[in-house]
Amino acid sequence: MTGHHDPARLLPWSSADGNPCYLLGDGTGHVSRVADDIERLQLGMADDLIGHADELLACQGAGNRELRFLARGLTDSLRDVRRVAESRGERLRAVGRSPDDEGGNEGQDEGGGEGGEEA
């Protein structure tokens, strides 16, 4: 990464051997757009799965097989959503913003603005 100022982006897929994939660039290229589309798809699927989980868990007759299938889907979806969050968090930090700037630090008073005090 010598001479390269853009951060490496964690992509929403892994290599064939399960290792994370990263992209160097300014975020405007074809692969970045494909990654954005896949992240949107993953987040949409997570929303759909949450709706399905709500329905299935409300059903008294849900069987062990259905619940195990649901648990597998939720686990896979949570893994995808965590990867999206990690990728976006890394990109936010790279531009000098922290999760605190985005209201991600629960339990602290609001209205602190940028550059607030750190504990």
C-alpha atoms as a PDB file:
ATOM      1  CA  MET A   1       0.000   0.000   0.000  1.00  0.00           C
ATOM      2  CA  THR A   2       2.978   2.299  -0.416  1.00  0.00           C
ATOM      3  CA  GLY A   3       1.863   5.688  -1.693  1.00  0.00           C
ATOM      4  CA  HIS A   4      -1.802   4.692  -1.545  1.00  0.00           C
ATOM      5  CA  HIS A   5      -3.957   6.943   0.627  1.00  0.00           C
ATOM      6  CA  ASP A   6      -7.341   5.270   0.251  1.00  0.00           C
ATOM      7  CA  PRO A   7      -8.173   2.667   2.907  1.00  0.00           C
ATOM      8  CA  ALA A   8      -8.570  -0.980   2.032  1.00  0.00           C
ATOM      9  CA  ARG A   9     -12.263  -1.863   1.928  1.00  0.00           C
ATOM     10  CA  LEU A  10     -13.439  -5.128   3.459  1.00  0.00           C
ATOM     11  CA  LEU A  11     -15.615  -6.694   0.786  1.00  0.00           C
ATOM     12  CA  PRO A  12     -18.881  -8.519   1.531  1.00  0.00           C
ATOM     13  CA  TRP A  13     -17.498 -11.843   0.308  1.00  0.00           C
ATOM     14  CA  SER A  14     -14.612 -14.154   1.168  1.00  0.00           C
ATOM     15  CA  SER A  15     -12.008 -15.877  -0.939  1.00  0.00           C
ATOM     16  CA  ALA A  16     -12.456 -19.529  -1.931  1.00  0.00           C
ATOM     17  CA  ASP A  17     -10.465 -20.563   1.147  1.00  0.00           C
ATOM     18  CA  GLY A  18     -12.562 -18.392   3.494  1.00  0.00           C
ATOM     19  CA  ASN A  19     -10.185 -15.465   3.911  1.00  0.00           C
ATOM     20  CA  PRO A  20     -11.490 -11.895   3.861  1.00  0.00           C
ATOM     21  CA  CYS A  21     -11.197  -9.986   0.585  1.00  0.00           C
ATOM     22  CA  TYR A  22     -10.149  -6.349   0.445  1.00  0.00           C
ATOM     23  CA  LEU A  23     -10.260  -3.707  -2.272  1.00  0.00           C
ATOM     24  CA  LEU A  24      -7.913  -0.785  -2.713  1.00  0.00           C
ATOM     25  CA  GLY A  25      -9.321   2.255  -4.436  1.00  0.00           C
ATOM     26  CA  ASP A  26     -11.291   5.411  -4.049  1.00  0.00           C
ATOM     27  CA  GLY A  27     -14.675   3.664  -3.850  1.00  0.00           C
ATOM     28  CA  THR A  28     -15.907   4.740  -7.266  1.00  0.00           C
ATOM     29  CA  GLY A  29     -14.977   1.742  -9.412  1.00  0.00           C
ATOM     30  CA  HIS A  30     -16.963  -1.214 -10.695  1.00  0.00           C
ATOM     31  CA  VAL A  31     -15.991  -3.592  -7.865  1.00  0.00           C
ATOM     32  CA  SER A  32     -16.979  -0.983  -5.269  1.00  0.00           C
ATOM     33  CA  ARG A  33     -20.399  -0.629  -6.902  1.00  0.00           C
ATOM     34  CA  VAL A  34     -20.839  -4.415  -6.975  1.00  0.00           C
ATOM     35  CA  ALA A  35     -19.860  -4.564  -3.284  1.00  0.00           C
ATOM     36  CA  ASP A  36     -22.376  -1.804  -2.475  1.00  0.00           C
ATOM     37  CA  ASP A  37     -25.103  -3.741  -4.320  1.00  0.00           C
ATOM     38  CA  ILE A  38     -24.265  -6.965  -2.469  1.00  0.00           C
ATOM     39  CA  GLU A  39     -24.281  -5.163   0.891  1.00  0.00           C
ATOM     40  CA  ARG A  40     -27.727  -3.709   0.101  1.00  0.00           C
ATOM     41  CA  LEU A  41     -28.924  -7.189  -0.865  1.00  0.00           C
ATOM     42  CA  GLN A  42     -27.534  -8.710   2.344  1.00  0.00           C
ATOM     43  CA  LEU A  43     -29.173  -6.050   4.512  1.00  0.00           C
ATOM     44  CA  GLY A  44     -32.484  -6.496   2.682  1.00  0.00           C
ATOM     45  CA  MET A  45     -32.315 -10.254   3.142  1.00  0.00           C
ATOM     46  CA  ALA A  46     -31.642  -9.703   6.856  1.00  0.00           C
ATOM     47  CA  ASP A  47     -34.806  -7.594   7.093  1.00  0.00           C
ATOM     48  CA  ASP A  48     -36.808 -10.300   5.319  1.00  0.00           C
ATOM     49  CA  LEU A  49     -35.384 -12.984   7.588  1.00  0.00           C
ATOM     50  CA  ILE A  50     -36.262 -10.997  10.703  1.00  0.00           C
ATOM     51  CA  GLY A  51     -39.846 -10.807   9.458  1.00  0.00           C
ATOM     52  CA  HIS A  52     -39.882 -14.555   8.829  1.00  0.00           C
ATOM     53  CA  ALA A  53     -38.421 -15.192  12.285  1.00  0.00           C
ATOM     54  CA  ASP A  54     -41.122 -13.067  13.913  1.00  0.00           C
ATOM     55  CA  GLU A  55     -43.834 -15.047  12.105  1.00  0.00           C
ATOM     56  CA  LEU A  56     -42.299 -18.451  12.837  1.00  0.00           C
ATOM     57  CA  LEU A  57     -41.685 -17.703  16.494  1.00  0.00           C
ATOM     58  CA  ALA A  58     -45.289 -16.534  16.872  1.00  0.00           C
ATOM     59  CA  CYS A  59     -46.456 -19.893  15.528  1.00  0.00           C
ATOM     60  CA  GLN A  60     -47.041 -22.410  18.318  1.00  0.00           C
ATOM     61  CA  GLY A  61     -46.635 -25.331  15.914  1.00  0.00           C
ATOM     62  CA  ALA A  62     -43.094 -24.515  14.733  1.00  0.00           C
ATOM     63  CA  GLY A  63     -41.053 -27.684  14.788  1.00  0.00           C
ATOM     64  CA  ASN A  64     -37.466 -28.340  15.726  1.00  0.00           C
ATOM     65  CA  ARG A  65     -36.414 -28.667  12.070  1.00  0.00           C
ATOM     66  CA  GLU A  66     -37.977 -25.307  11.163  1.00  0.00           C
ATOM     67  CA  LEU A  67     -36.406 -23.589  14.156  1.00  0.00           C
ATOM     68  CA  ARG A  68     -32.968 -25.045  13.371  1.00  0.00           C
ATOM     69  CA  PHE A  69     -33.285 -23.871   9.754  1.00  0.00           C
ATOM     70  CA  LEU A  70     -34.279 -20.424  11.011  1.00  0.00           C
ATOM     71  CA  ALA A  71     -31.326 -20.354  13.429  1.00  0.00           C
ATOM     72  CA  ARG A  72     -28.943 -21.238  10.585  1.00  0.00           C
ATOM     73  CA  GLY A  73     -30.386 -18.469   8.393  1.00  0.00           C
ATOM     74  CA  LEU A  74     -30.196 -15.920  11.209  1.00  0.00           C
ATOM     75  CA  THR A  75     -26.606 -16.915  11.979  1.00  0.00           C
ATOM     76  CA  ASP A  76     -25.560 -16.556   8.339  1.00  0.00           C
ATOM     77  CA  SER A  77     -27.373 -13.237   8.046  1.00  0.00           C
ATOM     78  CA  LEU A  78     -25.863 -11.906  11.264  1.00  0.00           C
ATOM     79  CA  ARG A  79     -22.414 -12.813   9.965  1.00  0.00           C
ATOM     80  CA  ASP A  80     -23.095 -10.877   6.741  1.00  0.00           C
ATOM     81  CA  VAL A  81     -24.484  -7.842   8.569  1.00  0.00           C
ATOM     82  CA  ARG A  82     -21.518  -7.823  10.974  1.00  0.00           C
ATOM     83  CA  ARG A  83     -19.132  -7.818   7.981  1.00  0.00           C
ATOM     84  CA  VAL A  84     -21.034  -4.881   6.425  1.00  0.00           C
ATOM     85  CA  ALA A  85     -20.817  -3.017   9.740  1.00  0.00           C
ATOM     86  CA  GLU A  86     -17.084  -3.724  10.065  1.00  0.00           C
ATOM     87  CA  SER A  87     -16.449  -2.552   6.514  1.00  0.00           C
ATOM     88  CA  ARG A  88     -18.438   0.637   6.954  1.00  0.00           C
ATOM     89  CA  GLY A  89     -16.879   1.307  10.349  1.00  0.00           C
ATOM     90  CA  GLU A  90     -13.386   0.986   8.903  1.00  0.00           C
ATOM     91  CA  ARG A  91     -14.252   3.416   6.115  1.00  0.00           C
ATOM     92  CA  LEU A  92     -15.732   5.919   8.589  1.00  0.00           C
ATOM     93  CA  ARG A  93     -12.616   5.776  10.758  1.00  0.00           C
ATOM     94  CA  ALA A  94     -10.462   6.263   7.672  1.00  0.00           C
ATOM     95  CA  VAL A  95     -12.085   9.620   6.981  1.00  0.00           C
ATOM     96  CA  GLY A  96     -11.579  10.778  10.566  1.00  0.00           C
ATOM     97  CA  ARG A  97     -15.009  10.030  12.000  1.00  0.00           C
ATOM     98  CA  SER A  98     -15.678   7.685  14.863  1.00  0.00           C
ATOM     99  CA  PRO A  99     -18.756   5.619  15.787  1.00  0.00           C
ATOM    100  CA  ASP A 100     -19.345   8.217  18.550  1.00  0.00           C
ATOM    101  CA  ASP A 101     -19.846  10.854  15.854  1.00  0.00           C
ATOM    102  CA  GLU A 102     -22.655   8.720  14.418  1.00  0.00           C
ATOM    103  CA  GLY A 103     -24.480   8.342  17.731  1.00  0.00           C
ATOM    104  CA  GLY A 104     -23.049   4.863  18.226  1.00  0.00           C
ATOM    105  CA  ASN A 105     -21.967   5.395  21.808  1.00  0.00           C
ATOM    106  CA  GLU A 106     -25.038   4.641  23.870  1.00  0.00           C
ATOM    107  CA  GLY A 107     -25.319   5.875  27.409  1.00  0.00           C
ATOM    108  CA  GLN A 108     -23.631   9.231  26.831  1.00  0.00           C
ATOM    109  CA  ASP A 109     -25.391  12.578  26.664  1.00  0.00           C
ATOM    110  CA  GLU A 110     -26.392  13.706  23.209  1.00  0.00           C
ATOM    111  CA  GLY A 111     -25.474  17.052  21.753  1.00  0.00           C
ATOM    112  CA  GLY A 112     -21.732  16.721  22.363  1.00  0.00           C
ATOM    113  CA  GLY A 113     -20.885  17.571  18.762  1.00  0.00           C
ATOM    114  CA  GLU A 114     -17.691  16.624  16.993  1.00  0.00           C
ATOM    115  CA  GLY A 115     -14.453  16.331  18.896  1.00  0.00           C
ATOM    116  CA  GLY A 116     -16.119  15.622  22.225  1.00  0.00           C
ATOM    117  CA  GLU A 117     -14.145  14.616  25.264  1.00  0.00           C
ATOM    118  CA  GLU A 118     -12.903  11.082  25.577  1.00  0.00           C
ATOM    119  CA  ALA A 119     -12.928   9.160  28.831  1.00  0.00           C
END
